[in-house]
Amino acid sequence: MPSEPRKRRLRDHHPAHEPEVTPGSVEELTRRNVARIQALEAAEHMKASTADRLADAIRAFAGSIVFVWINILLIGGWIAGNVAAPVQEQIDPFPFPLLTLVLSIEAIFLAIFILMSQNRAARVNDKRSHLDLQLNLLSEQENTKMLLMLERIGEAVGVETLGDPDVDVLVQATEPEALSRQIDEAVTRDEPAEREEKFGA
């Protein structure tokens, strides 16, 4: 059983609105995993440059409904103001070339900031994919070692094995290079059939 100081630390760590987590429980384990993932996310955010953070902020704002309404109000007000004003007082008469120029410049800069943000997100996603691959390879290696250990333990205690061919294959180490070649070969075989189905040739 956990000591009283440990229980107190756990109670102090969790806010009052959250359910109390039993030490050593699955909830505690998943909470630690979530905290580690959040720490990784925070570390990646700290690596971002000022330009990257600015691009992320602009992309987030440009994708909000507030930005839509601001554009609607500004564009609608500009058009209404020029249409309602006398011809000699119109700053930007129909077909509103000045408004078109401003909106074109806005679209160019928004596209640049969005591309910057997407490039950074792609770099982060590539790193996550590499991390997932490393963890999966490590898990596969651990499973292979455990199968070998279980097989040797069974032989040591005199347990008769059924000679399952699947187990014999799984005990062998998986080669990622071979899997990659198999995927490439499968894609190469499927490409002609996909072209025939697409073009009907």
N, C-alpha and C. Protein backbone atom coordinates (compact mmCIF):
# COMPACT_ATOMS: atom_id res chain seq x y z
N MET A 1 0.84 -1.20 0.00
CA MET A 1 0.00 0.00 0.00
C MET A 1 0.88 1.25 0.00
N PRO A 2 0.46 2.30 -0.72
CA PRO A 2 1.24 3.54 -0.75
C PRO A 2 1.25 4.19 0.62
N SER A 3 2.35 4.86 0.91
CA SER A 3 2.47 5.56 2.18
C SER A 3 1.57 6.79 2.19
N GLU A 4 1.34 7.31 3.38
CA GLU A 4 0.48 8.48 3.53
C GLU A 4 1.03 9.71 2.83
N PRO A 5 2.36 9.99 2.90
CA PRO A 5 2.87 11.14 2.15
C PRO A 5 2.64 11.02 0.66
N ARG A 6 2.76 9.79 0.12
CA ARG A 6 2.53 9.60 -1.32
C ARG A 6 1.08 9.88 -1.65
N LYS A 7 0.14 9.40 -0.81
CA LYS A 7 -1.27 9.68 -1.05
C LYS A 7 -1.54 11.18 -1.03
N ARG A 8 -0.89 11.87 -0.08
CA ARG A 8 -1.11 13.31 0.02
C ARG A 8 -0.60 14.02 -1.23
N ARG A 9 0.57 13.59 -1.74
CA ARG A 9 1.10 14.21 -2.95
C ARG A 9 0.17 13.99 -4.13
N LEU A 10 -0.39 12.80 -4.23
CA LEU A 10 -1.32 12.52 -5.32
C LEU A 10 -2.57 13.37 -5.21
N ARG A 11 -3.08 13.54 -3.99
CA ARG A 11 -4.27 14.38 -3.82
C ARG A 11 -3.97 15.83 -4.17
N ASP A 12 -2.79 16.32 -3.76
CA ASP A 12 -2.45 17.70 -4.03
C ASP A 12 -2.19 17.93 -5.51
N HIS A 13 -1.74 16.89 -6.22
CA HIS A 13 -1.39 17.05 -7.63
C HIS A 13 -2.63 17.21 -8.50
N HIS A 14 -3.73 16.55 -8.17
CA HIS A 14 -4.93 16.55 -8.99
C HIS A 14 -5.90 17.63 -8.53
N PRO A 15 -6.47 18.39 -9.46
CA PRO A 15 -7.46 19.41 -9.07
C PRO A 15 -8.68 18.77 -8.42
N ALA A 16 -9.42 19.60 -7.70
CA ALA A 16 -10.57 19.09 -6.94
C ALA A 16 -11.66 18.57 -7.85
N HIS A 17 -11.80 19.15 -9.06
CA HIS A 17 -12.89 18.73 -9.94
C HIS A 17 -12.60 17.41 -10.62
N GLU A 18 -11.35 16.89 -10.56
CA GLU A 18 -11.02 15.64 -11.19
C GLU A 18 -11.25 14.49 -10.22
N PRO A 19 -11.67 13.32 -10.72
CA PRO A 19 -11.87 12.18 -9.83
C PRO A 19 -10.55 11.72 -9.24
N GLU A 20 -10.59 11.26 -8.02
CA GLU A 20 -9.38 10.80 -7.36
C GLU A 20 -8.88 9.53 -8.04
N VAL A 21 -7.59 9.49 -8.33
CA VAL A 21 -6.98 8.37 -9.03
C VAL A 21 -6.28 7.48 -8.04
N THR A 22 -6.57 6.19 -8.09
CA THR A 22 -5.95 5.23 -7.19
C THR A 22 -4.51 5.02 -7.59
N PRO A 23 -3.55 5.15 -6.66
CA PRO A 23 -2.15 4.91 -7.01
C PRO A 23 -1.96 3.49 -7.54
N GLY A 24 -1.18 3.38 -8.59
CA GLY A 24 -0.93 2.08 -9.18
C GLY A 24 -2.04 1.58 -10.09
N SER A 25 -3.04 2.41 -10.37
CA SER A 25 -4.17 2.00 -11.20
C SER A 25 -3.90 2.32 -12.66
N VAL A 26 -4.80 1.84 -13.53
CA VAL A 26 -4.69 2.13 -14.95
C VAL A 26 -4.85 3.62 -15.20
N GLU A 27 -5.73 4.27 -14.43
CA GLU A 27 -5.94 5.72 -14.60
C GLU A 27 -4.65 6.49 -14.33
N GLU A 28 -3.92 6.07 -13.32
CA GLU A 28 -2.66 6.75 -13.02
C GLU A 28 -1.65 6.54 -14.14
N LEU A 29 -1.60 5.33 -14.68
CA LEU A 29 -0.68 5.03 -15.76
C LEU A 29 -1.01 5.84 -17.01
N THR A 30 -2.30 5.88 -17.38
CA THR A 30 -2.69 6.66 -18.56
C THR A 30 -2.49 8.15 -18.33
N ARG A 31 -2.69 8.61 -17.09
CA ARG A 31 -2.46 10.03 -16.81
C ARG A 31 -0.99 10.38 -16.99
N ARG A 32 -0.11 9.49 -16.56
CA ARG A 32 1.31 9.73 -16.76
C ARG A 32 1.67 9.74 -18.24
N ASN A 33 1.05 8.83 -19.00
CA ASN A 33 1.31 8.81 -20.44
C ASN A 33 0.84 10.09 -21.11
N VAL A 34 -0.34 10.57 -20.71
CA VAL A 34 -0.84 11.83 -21.26
C VAL A 34 0.09 12.98 -20.92
N ALA A 35 0.59 12.99 -19.69
CA ALA A 35 1.51 14.05 -19.27
C ALA A 35 2.80 14.00 -20.07
N ARG A 36 3.28 12.81 -20.36
CA ARG A 36 4.51 12.70 -21.16
C ARG A 36 4.28 13.19 -22.58
N ILE A 37 3.13 12.86 -23.15
CA ILE A 37 2.82 13.33 -24.50
C ILE A 37 2.70 14.84 -24.52
N GLN A 38 2.04 15.40 -23.50
CA GLN A 38 1.93 16.86 -23.42
C GLN A 38 3.30 17.51 -23.29
N ALA A 39 4.22 16.85 -22.55
CA ALA A 39 5.57 17.38 -22.42
C ALA A 39 6.28 17.37 -23.77
N LEU A 40 6.08 16.30 -24.57
CA LEU A 40 6.68 16.26 -25.90
C LEU A 40 6.11 17.35 -26.80
N GLU A 41 4.79 17.56 -26.71
CA GLU A 41 4.16 18.62 -27.51
C GLU A 41 4.71 19.99 -27.11
N ALA A 42 4.86 20.20 -25.80
CA ALA A 42 5.38 21.48 -25.32
C ALA A 42 6.82 21.68 -25.77
N ALA A 43 7.61 20.61 -25.78
CA ALA A 43 9.00 20.72 -26.23
C ALA A 43 9.06 21.09 -27.71
N GLU A 44 8.19 20.50 -28.52
CA GLU A 44 8.16 20.85 -29.94
C GLU A 44 7.73 22.29 -30.14
N HIS A 45 6.78 22.75 -29.31
CA HIS A 45 6.32 24.14 -29.43
C HIS A 45 7.43 25.10 -29.05
N MET A 46 8.25 24.74 -28.06
CA MET A 46 9.34 25.61 -27.64
C MET A 46 10.42 25.72 -28.72
N LYS A 47 10.54 24.69 -29.56
CA LYS A 47 11.54 24.72 -30.62
C LYS A 47 11.12 25.64 -31.77
N ALA A 48 9.85 25.99 -31.84
CA ALA A 48 9.37 26.81 -32.95
C ALA A 48 9.96 28.21 -32.87
N SER A 49 10.31 28.74 -34.02
CA SER A 49 10.84 30.11 -34.08
C SER A 49 9.69 31.11 -33.96
N THR A 50 10.07 32.38 -33.83
CA THR A 50 9.06 33.43 -33.74
C THR A 50 8.21 33.48 -35.01
N ALA A 51 8.85 33.29 -36.17
CA ALA A 51 8.10 33.29 -37.44
C ALA A 51 7.12 32.12 -37.49
N ASP A 52 7.56 30.95 -37.00
CA ASP A 52 6.67 29.79 -37.00
C ASP A 52 5.46 30.02 -36.09
N ARG A 53 5.70 30.59 -34.93
CA ARG A 53 4.58 30.86 -34.01
C ARG A 53 3.63 31.90 -34.59
N LEU A 54 4.20 32.91 -35.25
CA LEU A 54 3.36 33.92 -35.88
C LEU A 54 2.52 33.30 -36.99
N ALA A 55 3.14 32.43 -37.78
CA ALA A 55 2.40 31.76 -38.86
C ALA A 55 1.29 30.88 -38.30
N ASP A 56 1.57 30.17 -37.20
CA ASP A 56 0.54 29.33 -36.58
C ASP A 56 -0.62 30.18 -36.07
N ALA A 57 -0.29 31.32 -35.45
CA ALA A 57 -1.33 32.18 -34.90
C ALA A 57 -2.20 32.77 -36.02
N ILE A 58 -1.55 33.20 -37.11
CA ILE A 58 -2.31 33.77 -38.23
C ILE A 58 -3.17 32.71 -38.89
N ARG A 59 -2.62 31.50 -39.05
CA ARG A 59 -3.40 30.42 -39.65
C ARG A 59 -4.61 30.08 -38.79
N ALA A 60 -4.41 30.04 -37.47
CA ALA A 60 -5.53 29.73 -36.58
C ALA A 60 -6.59 30.82 -36.63
N PHE A 61 -6.16 32.09 -36.69
CA PHE A 61 -7.13 33.19 -36.74
C PHE A 61 -7.84 33.22 -38.09
N ALA A 62 -7.08 32.99 -39.18
CA ALA A 62 -7.68 33.02 -40.52
C ALA A 62 -8.68 31.89 -40.71
N GLY A 63 -8.56 30.82 -39.95
CA GLY A 63 -9.49 29.72 -40.06
C GLY A 63 -10.66 29.79 -39.10
N SER A 64 -10.85 30.93 -38.48
CA SER A 64 -11.94 31.09 -37.51
C SER A 64 -13.11 31.84 -38.13
N ILE A 65 -14.27 31.68 -37.53
CA ILE A 65 -15.47 32.39 -38.01
C ILE A 65 -15.37 33.89 -37.76
N VAL A 66 -14.57 34.28 -36.76
CA VAL A 66 -14.38 35.71 -36.48
C VAL A 66 -13.72 36.39 -37.68
N PHE A 67 -12.72 35.72 -38.25
CA PHE A 67 -12.05 36.29 -39.43
C PHE A 67 -13.02 36.41 -40.60
N VAL A 68 -13.90 35.44 -40.75
CA VAL A 68 -14.90 35.50 -41.82
C VAL A 68 -15.81 36.70 -41.65
N TRP A 69 -16.31 36.88 -40.42
CA TRP A 69 -17.22 38.01 -40.19
C TRP A 69 -16.51 39.35 -40.35
N ILE A 70 -15.26 39.44 -39.93
CA ILE A 70 -14.50 40.68 -40.10
C ILE A 70 -14.38 41.01 -41.59
N ASN A 71 -14.06 40.03 -42.40
CA ASN A 71 -13.95 40.27 -43.85
C ASN A 71 -15.29 40.66 -44.45
N ILE A 72 -16.35 39.98 -44.01
CA ILE A 72 -17.68 40.31 -44.54
C ILE A 72 -18.05 41.75 -44.21
N LEU A 73 -17.82 42.15 -42.95
CA LEU A 73 -18.16 43.51 -42.54
C LEU A 73 -17.31 44.55 -43.26
N LEU A 74 -16.00 44.31 -43.36
CA LEU A 74 -15.13 45.29 -44.00
C LEU A 74 -15.42 45.40 -45.50
N ILE A 75 -15.55 44.26 -46.16
CA ILE A 75 -15.81 44.29 -47.60
C ILE A 75 -17.20 44.87 -47.88
N GLY A 76 -18.19 44.41 -47.11
CA GLY A 76 -19.54 44.95 -47.30
C GLY A 76 -19.62 46.43 -47.02
N GLY A 77 -18.95 46.88 -45.95
CA GLY A 77 -18.94 48.31 -45.64
C GLY A 77 -18.24 49.13 -46.70
N TRP A 78 -17.10 48.59 -47.22
CA TRP A 78 -16.38 49.32 -48.27
C TRP A 78 -17.23 49.44 -49.54
N ILE A 79 -17.87 48.37 -49.94
CA ILE A 79 -18.70 48.42 -51.15
C ILE A 79 -19.90 49.33 -50.94
N ALA A 80 -20.57 49.18 -49.79
CA ALA A 80 -21.76 49.99 -49.52
C ALA A 80 -21.40 51.47 -49.44
N GLY A 81 -20.26 51.78 -48.78
CA GLY A 81 -19.85 53.17 -48.65
C GLY A 81 -19.55 53.81 -49.99
N ASN A 82 -18.88 53.08 -50.89
CA ASN A 82 -18.55 53.64 -52.20
C ASN A 82 -19.76 53.72 -53.11
N VAL A 83 -20.67 52.76 -53.00
CA VAL A 83 -21.86 52.80 -53.84
C VAL A 83 -22.80 53.93 -53.40
N ALA A 84 -22.91 54.11 -52.07
CA ALA A 84 -23.83 55.13 -51.56
C ALA A 84 -23.29 56.54 -51.72
N ALA A 85 -21.99 56.70 -51.79
CA ALA A 85 -21.42 58.05 -51.89
C ALA A 85 -21.61 58.62 -53.30
N PRO A 86 -21.64 59.94 -53.40
CA PRO A 86 -21.71 60.56 -54.74
C PRO A 86 -20.51 60.15 -55.58
N VAL A 87 -20.68 60.19 -56.89
CA VAL A 87 -19.64 59.70 -57.80
C VAL A 87 -18.33 60.43 -57.56
N GLN A 88 -18.38 61.77 -57.37
CA GLN A 88 -17.16 62.54 -57.21
C GLN A 88 -16.47 62.28 -55.87
N GLU A 89 -17.18 61.68 -54.89
CA GLU A 89 -16.59 61.41 -53.58
C GLU A 89 -16.24 59.94 -53.38
N GLN A 90 -16.46 59.13 -54.38
CA GLN A 90 -16.15 57.71 -54.25
C GLN A 90 -14.64 57.48 -54.27
N ILE A 91 -14.12 56.83 -53.22
CA ILE A 91 -12.69 56.53 -53.14
C ILE A 91 -12.32 55.38 -54.07
N ASP A 92 -13.21 54.40 -54.15
CA ASP A 92 -12.94 53.20 -54.95
C ASP A 92 -14.21 52.84 -55.71
N PRO A 93 -14.47 53.51 -56.84
CA PRO A 93 -15.72 53.26 -57.57
C PRO A 93 -15.75 51.86 -58.17
N PHE A 94 -16.94 51.45 -58.56
CA PHE A 94 -17.13 50.15 -59.20
C PHE A 94 -16.24 50.07 -60.45
N PRO A 95 -15.53 48.95 -60.66
CA PRO A 95 -15.60 47.61 -60.00
C PRO A 95 -14.63 47.43 -58.83
N PHE A 96 -14.37 48.50 -58.10
CA PHE A 96 -13.59 48.47 -56.86
C PHE A 96 -12.19 47.90 -57.08
N PRO A 97 -11.37 48.53 -57.88
CA PRO A 97 -10.00 48.02 -58.12
C PRO A 97 -9.12 48.05 -56.88
N LEU A 98 -9.29 49.08 -56.03
CA LEU A 98 -8.48 49.16 -54.82
C LEU A 98 -8.80 48.01 -53.86
N LEU A 99 -10.10 47.69 -53.73
CA LEU A 99 -10.52 46.58 -52.88
C LEU A 99 -9.97 45.26 -53.42
N THR A 100 -10.02 45.11 -54.73
CA THR A 100 -9.49 43.89 -55.35
C THR A 100 -7.99 43.75 -55.09
N LEU A 101 -7.25 44.87 -55.16
CA LEU A 101 -5.82 44.84 -54.89
C LEU A 101 -5.54 44.45 -53.44
N VAL A 102 -6.28 45.05 -52.52
CA VAL A 102 -6.06 44.74 -51.10
C VAL A 102 -6.37 43.28 -50.80
N LEU A 103 -7.47 42.78 -51.35
CA LEU A 103 -7.84 41.39 -51.11
C LEU A 103 -6.83 40.43 -51.73
N SER A 104 -6.28 40.80 -52.88
CA SER A 104 -5.26 39.95 -53.52
C SER A 104 -4.01 39.89 -52.66
N ILE A 105 -3.59 41.04 -52.13
CA ILE A 105 -2.42 41.05 -51.25
C ILE A 105 -2.68 40.25 -49.99
N GLU A 106 -3.89 40.40 -49.44
CA GLU A 106 -4.25 39.62 -48.25
C GLU A 106 -4.19 38.12 -48.54
N ALA A 107 -4.72 37.71 -49.69
CA ALA A 107 -4.71 36.29 -50.05
C ALA A 107 -3.29 35.77 -50.21
N ILE A 108 -2.39 36.57 -50.79
CA ILE A 108 -1.01 36.16 -50.98
C ILE A 108 -0.33 35.92 -49.64
N PHE A 109 -0.47 36.89 -48.72
CA PHE A 109 0.19 36.74 -47.42
C PHE A 109 -0.43 35.61 -46.60
N LEU A 110 -1.75 35.46 -46.69
CA LEU A 110 -2.38 34.33 -45.98
C LEU A 110 -1.87 33.00 -46.51
N ALA A 111 -1.71 32.89 -47.82
CA ALA A 111 -1.20 31.65 -48.40
C ALA A 111 0.22 31.37 -47.93
N ILE A 112 1.04 32.42 -47.84
CA ILE A 112 2.42 32.23 -47.37
C ILE A 112 2.44 31.75 -45.93
N PHE A 113 1.67 32.41 -45.07
CA PHE A 113 1.65 32.02 -43.65
C PHE A 113 1.09 30.61 -43.48
N ILE A 114 0.07 30.26 -44.26
CA ILE A 114 -0.50 28.92 -44.15
C ILE A 114 0.50 27.87 -44.60
N LEU A 115 1.25 28.15 -45.67
CA LEU A 115 2.28 27.22 -46.12
C LEU A 115 3.38 27.06 -45.08
N MET A 116 3.77 28.17 -44.45
CA MET A 116 4.78 28.08 -43.38
C MET A 116 4.29 27.21 -42.23
N SER A 117 3.05 27.41 -41.85
CA SER A 117 2.49 26.61 -40.76
C SER A 117 2.37 25.14 -41.15
N GLN A 118 1.97 24.88 -42.39
CA GLN A 118 1.85 23.50 -42.84
C GLN A 118 3.21 22.82 -42.94
N ASN A 119 4.23 23.56 -43.35
CA ASN A 119 5.57 22.98 -43.41
C ASN A 119 6.06 22.58 -42.02
N ARG A 120 5.81 23.44 -41.04
CA ARG A 120 6.22 23.09 -39.68
C ARG A 120 5.41 21.90 -39.18
N ALA A 121 4.09 21.88 -39.46
CA ALA A 121 3.28 20.74 -39.04
C ALA A 121 3.75 19.45 -39.71
N ALA A 122 4.18 19.55 -40.97
CA ALA A 122 4.69 18.36 -41.67
C ALA A 122 5.97 17.86 -41.01
N ARG A 123 6.84 18.78 -40.60
CA ARG A 123 8.07 18.36 -39.92
C ARG A 123 7.77 17.67 -38.61
N VAL A 124 6.81 18.21 -37.85
CA VAL A 124 6.43 17.59 -36.59
C VAL A 124 5.81 16.22 -36.82
N ASN A 125 4.95 16.12 -37.85
CA ASN A 125 4.31 14.83 -38.15
C ASN A 125 5.33 13.80 -38.60
N ASP A 126 6.34 14.24 -39.38
CA ASP A 126 7.39 13.31 -39.79
C ASP A 126 8.14 12.79 -38.58
N LYS A 127 8.41 13.66 -37.62
CA LYS A 127 9.10 13.23 -36.41
C LYS A 127 8.25 12.26 -35.61
N ARG A 128 6.94 12.54 -35.52
CA ARG A 128 6.06 11.62 -34.81
C ARG A 128 6.00 10.26 -35.50
N SER A 129 5.94 10.26 -36.84
CA SER A 129 5.91 9.00 -37.57
C SER A 129 7.19 8.21 -37.33
N HIS A 130 8.32 8.91 -37.32
CA HIS A 130 9.59 8.24 -37.05
C HIS A 130 9.61 7.68 -35.62
N LEU A 131 9.07 8.44 -34.69
CA LEU A 131 9.01 7.97 -33.31
C LEU A 131 8.11 6.74 -33.20
N ASP A 132 6.96 6.78 -33.89
CA ASP A 132 6.06 5.61 -33.89
C ASP A 132 6.76 4.39 -34.48
N LEU A 133 7.50 4.59 -35.56
CA LEU A 133 8.21 3.47 -36.18
C LEU A 133 9.25 2.90 -35.23
N GLN A 134 9.99 3.77 -34.55
CA GLN A 134 10.99 3.29 -33.60
C GLN A 134 10.35 2.51 -32.47
N LEU A 135 9.23 3.01 -31.94
CA LEU A 135 8.55 2.31 -30.85
C LEU A 135 7.99 0.98 -31.32
N ASN A 136 7.44 0.95 -32.54
CA ASN A 136 6.91 -0.30 -33.06
C ASN A 136 8.01 -1.34 -33.28
N LEU A 137 9.16 -0.88 -33.79
CA LEU A 137 10.29 -1.80 -33.96
C LEU A 137 10.77 -2.32 -32.61
N LEU A 138 10.81 -1.43 -31.62
CA LEU A 138 11.23 -1.86 -30.28
C LEU A 138 10.26 -2.87 -29.70
N SER A 139 8.95 -2.61 -29.89
CA SER A 139 7.94 -3.56 -29.40
C SER A 139 8.07 -4.91 -30.09
N GLU A 140 8.34 -4.89 -31.40
CA GLU A 140 8.50 -6.15 -32.14
C GLU A 140 9.71 -6.92 -31.62
N GLN A 141 10.80 -6.20 -31.37
CA GLN A 141 12.00 -6.86 -30.86
C GLN A 141 11.75 -7.44 -29.47
N GLU A 142 11.02 -6.70 -28.63
CA GLU A 142 10.70 -7.20 -27.29
C GLU A 142 9.82 -8.45 -27.37
N ASN A 143 8.83 -8.42 -28.26
CA ASN A 143 7.94 -9.58 -28.41
C ASN A 143 8.70 -10.81 -28.90
N THR A 144 9.63 -10.60 -29.84
CA THR A 144 10.43 -11.71 -30.34
C THR A 144 11.27 -12.32 -29.22
N LYS A 145 11.89 -11.44 -28.40
CA LYS A 145 12.69 -11.93 -27.29
C LYS A 145 11.83 -12.68 -26.27
N MET A 146 10.62 -12.18 -26.02
CA MET A 146 9.74 -12.85 -25.06
C MET A 146 9.31 -14.23 -25.57
N LEU A 147 9.04 -14.33 -26.88
CA LEU A 147 8.69 -15.63 -27.44
C LEU A 147 9.85 -16.62 -27.31
N LEU A 148 11.07 -16.14 -27.56
CA LEU A 148 12.23 -17.01 -27.41
C LEU A 148 12.39 -17.45 -25.96
N MET A 149 12.21 -16.51 -25.03
CA MET A 149 12.35 -16.85 -23.62
C MET A 149 11.28 -17.85 -23.19
N LEU A 150 10.03 -17.64 -23.65
CA LEU A 150 8.96 -18.57 -23.29
C LEU A 150 9.22 -19.96 -23.87
N GLU A 151 9.76 -19.99 -25.09
CA GLU A 151 10.07 -21.27 -25.71
C GLU A 151 11.16 -22.00 -24.91
N ARG A 152 12.18 -21.26 -24.48
CA ARG A 152 13.26 -21.88 -23.70
C ARG A 152 12.78 -22.30 -22.31
N ILE A 153 11.90 -21.48 -21.72
CA ILE A 153 11.35 -21.87 -20.42
C ILE A 153 10.53 -23.14 -20.55
N GLY A 154 9.73 -23.23 -21.63
CA GLY A 154 8.95 -24.43 -21.84
C GLY A 154 9.82 -25.66 -22.01
N GLU A 155 10.93 -25.51 -22.75
CA GLU A 155 11.83 -26.64 -22.92
C GLU A 155 12.49 -27.01 -21.59
N ALA A 156 12.81 -25.99 -20.75
CA ALA A 156 13.49 -26.27 -19.49
C ALA A 156 12.59 -27.01 -18.51
N VAL A 157 11.29 -26.70 -18.51
CA VAL A 157 10.37 -27.36 -17.56
C VAL A 157 9.74 -28.60 -18.16
N GLY A 158 10.11 -28.92 -19.40
CA GLY A 158 9.61 -30.15 -20.01
C GLY A 158 8.23 -30.05 -20.60
N VAL A 159 7.80 -28.85 -20.96
CA VAL A 159 6.48 -28.69 -21.58
C VAL A 159 6.59 -29.08 -23.04
N GLU A 160 5.66 -29.93 -23.49
CA GLU A 160 5.66 -30.36 -24.88
C GLU A 160 5.06 -29.26 -25.76
N THR A 161 5.79 -28.90 -26.77
CA THR A 161 5.28 -27.90 -27.72
C THR A 161 4.51 -28.60 -28.83
N LEU A 162 3.55 -27.90 -29.37
CA LEU A 162 2.71 -28.46 -30.41
C LEU A 162 3.30 -28.27 -31.80
N GLY A 163 4.45 -27.60 -31.86
CA GLY A 163 5.06 -27.36 -33.16
C GLY A 163 4.23 -26.46 -34.04
N ASP A 164 3.67 -25.42 -33.44
CA ASP A 164 2.85 -24.47 -34.20
C ASP A 164 3.75 -23.74 -35.19
N PRO A 165 3.48 -23.83 -36.49
CA PRO A 165 4.35 -23.14 -37.46
C PRO A 165 4.31 -21.63 -37.34
N ASP A 166 3.16 -21.08 -36.90
CA ASP A 166 3.08 -19.63 -36.72
C ASP A 166 4.04 -19.16 -35.65
N VAL A 167 4.13 -19.92 -34.55
CA VAL A 167 5.05 -19.55 -33.47
C VAL A 167 6.48 -19.62 -33.97
N ASP A 168 6.79 -20.66 -34.75
CA ASP A 168 8.15 -20.79 -35.28
C ASP A 168 8.52 -19.60 -36.16
N VAL A 169 7.54 -19.09 -36.91
CA VAL A 169 7.81 -17.93 -37.77
C VAL A 169 7.92 -16.65 -36.95
N LEU A 170 7.03 -16.50 -35.96
CA LEU A 170 7.04 -15.27 -35.16
C LEU A 170 8.28 -15.14 -34.30
N VAL A 171 8.90 -16.24 -33.97
CA VAL A 171 10.12 -16.18 -33.17
C VAL A 171 11.24 -15.52 -33.96
N GLN A 172 11.17 -15.63 -35.29
CA GLN A 172 12.20 -15.01 -36.12
C GLN A 172 12.07 -13.48 -36.08
N ALA A 173 13.21 -12.82 -36.12
CA ALA A 173 13.22 -11.35 -36.09
C ALA A 173 12.62 -10.79 -37.38
N THR A 174 11.76 -9.79 -37.24
CA THR A 174 11.15 -9.15 -38.40
C THR A 174 12.13 -8.18 -39.04
N GLU A 175 12.23 -8.23 -40.35
CA GLU A 175 13.12 -7.33 -41.08
C GLU A 175 12.29 -6.23 -41.73
N PRO A 176 12.41 -4.98 -41.26
CA PRO A 176 11.64 -3.87 -41.86
C PRO A 176 11.93 -3.69 -43.34
N GLU A 177 13.19 -3.95 -43.75
CA GLU A 177 13.55 -3.79 -45.16
C GLU A 177 12.75 -4.75 -46.03
N ALA A 178 12.59 -5.99 -45.55
CA ALA A 178 11.82 -6.97 -46.32
C ALA A 178 10.36 -6.56 -46.41
N LEU A 179 9.81 -6.04 -45.31
CA LEU A 179 8.42 -5.57 -45.34
C LEU A 179 8.26 -4.41 -46.31
N SER A 180 9.22 -3.52 -46.33
CA SER A 180 9.15 -2.38 -47.25
C SER A 180 9.17 -2.86 -48.70
N ARG A 181 10.01 -3.86 -49.01
CA ARG A 181 10.05 -4.39 -50.36
C ARG A 181 8.72 -5.06 -50.73
N GLN A 182 8.13 -5.77 -49.78
CA GLN A 182 6.84 -6.41 -50.04
C GLN A 182 5.75 -5.38 -50.35
N ILE A 183 5.76 -4.29 -49.61
CA ILE A 183 4.77 -3.23 -49.86
C ILE A 183 4.98 -2.62 -51.24
N ASP A 184 6.25 -2.35 -51.60
CA ASP A 184 6.54 -1.79 -52.93
C ASP A 184 6.10 -2.74 -54.03
N GLU A 185 6.35 -4.03 -53.85
CA GLU A 185 5.95 -5.00 -54.86
C GLU A 185 4.43 -5.07 -54.98
N ALA A 186 3.73 -5.01 -53.84
CA ALA A 186 2.27 -5.05 -53.89
C ALA A 186 1.70 -3.82 -54.59
N VAL A 187 2.29 -2.65 -54.31
CA VAL A 187 1.83 -1.42 -54.96
C VAL A 187 2.10 -1.48 -56.45
N THR A 188 3.26 -2.01 -56.84
CA THR A 188 3.60 -2.11 -58.25
C THR A 188 2.64 -3.04 -58.98
N ARG A 189 2.24 -4.13 -58.33
CA ARG A 189 1.30 -5.06 -58.96
C ARG A 189 -0.09 -4.46 -59.09
N ASP A 190 -0.48 -3.63 -58.10
CA ASP A 190 -1.83 -3.07 -58.11
C ASP A 190 -1.98 -1.88 -59.05
N GLU A 191 -0.88 -1.21 -59.40
CA GLU A 191 -0.98 0.00 -60.22
C GLU A 191 -1.62 -0.26 -61.58
N PRO A 192 -1.22 -1.31 -62.34
CA PRO A 192 -1.89 -1.53 -63.65
C PRO A 192 -3.38 -1.77 -63.52
N ALA A 193 -3.79 -2.55 -62.49
CA ALA A 193 -5.22 -2.81 -62.30
C ALA A 193 -5.96 -1.52 -61.95
N GLU A 194 -5.35 -0.64 -61.16
CA GLU A 194 -6.00 0.62 -60.81
C GLU A 194 -6.13 1.52 -62.03
N ARG A 195 -5.10 1.51 -62.91
CA ARG A 195 -5.19 2.34 -64.12
C ARG A 195 -6.28 1.83 -65.04
N GLU A 196 -6.39 0.51 -65.15
CA GLU A 196 -7.44 -0.05 -66.00
C GLU A 196 -8.81 0.28 -65.47
N GLU A 197 -8.96 0.20 -64.14
CA GLU A 197 -10.26 0.51 -63.54
C GLU A 197 -10.60 1.98 -63.67
N LYS A 198 -9.57 2.84 -63.62
CA LYS A 198 -9.81 4.29 -63.67
C LYS A 198 -10.14 4.74 -65.08
N PHE A 199 -9.36 4.26 -66.06
CA PHE A 199 -9.51 4.74 -67.43
C PHE A 199 -10.32 3.79 -68.29
N GLY A 200 -10.66 2.63 -67.76
CA GLY A 200 -11.45 1.69 -68.52
C GLY A 200 -10.74 1.12 -69.71
N ALA A 201 -9.37 1.08 -69.63
CA ALA A 201 -8.58 0.58 -70.75
C ALA A 201 -8.14 -0.84 -70.46
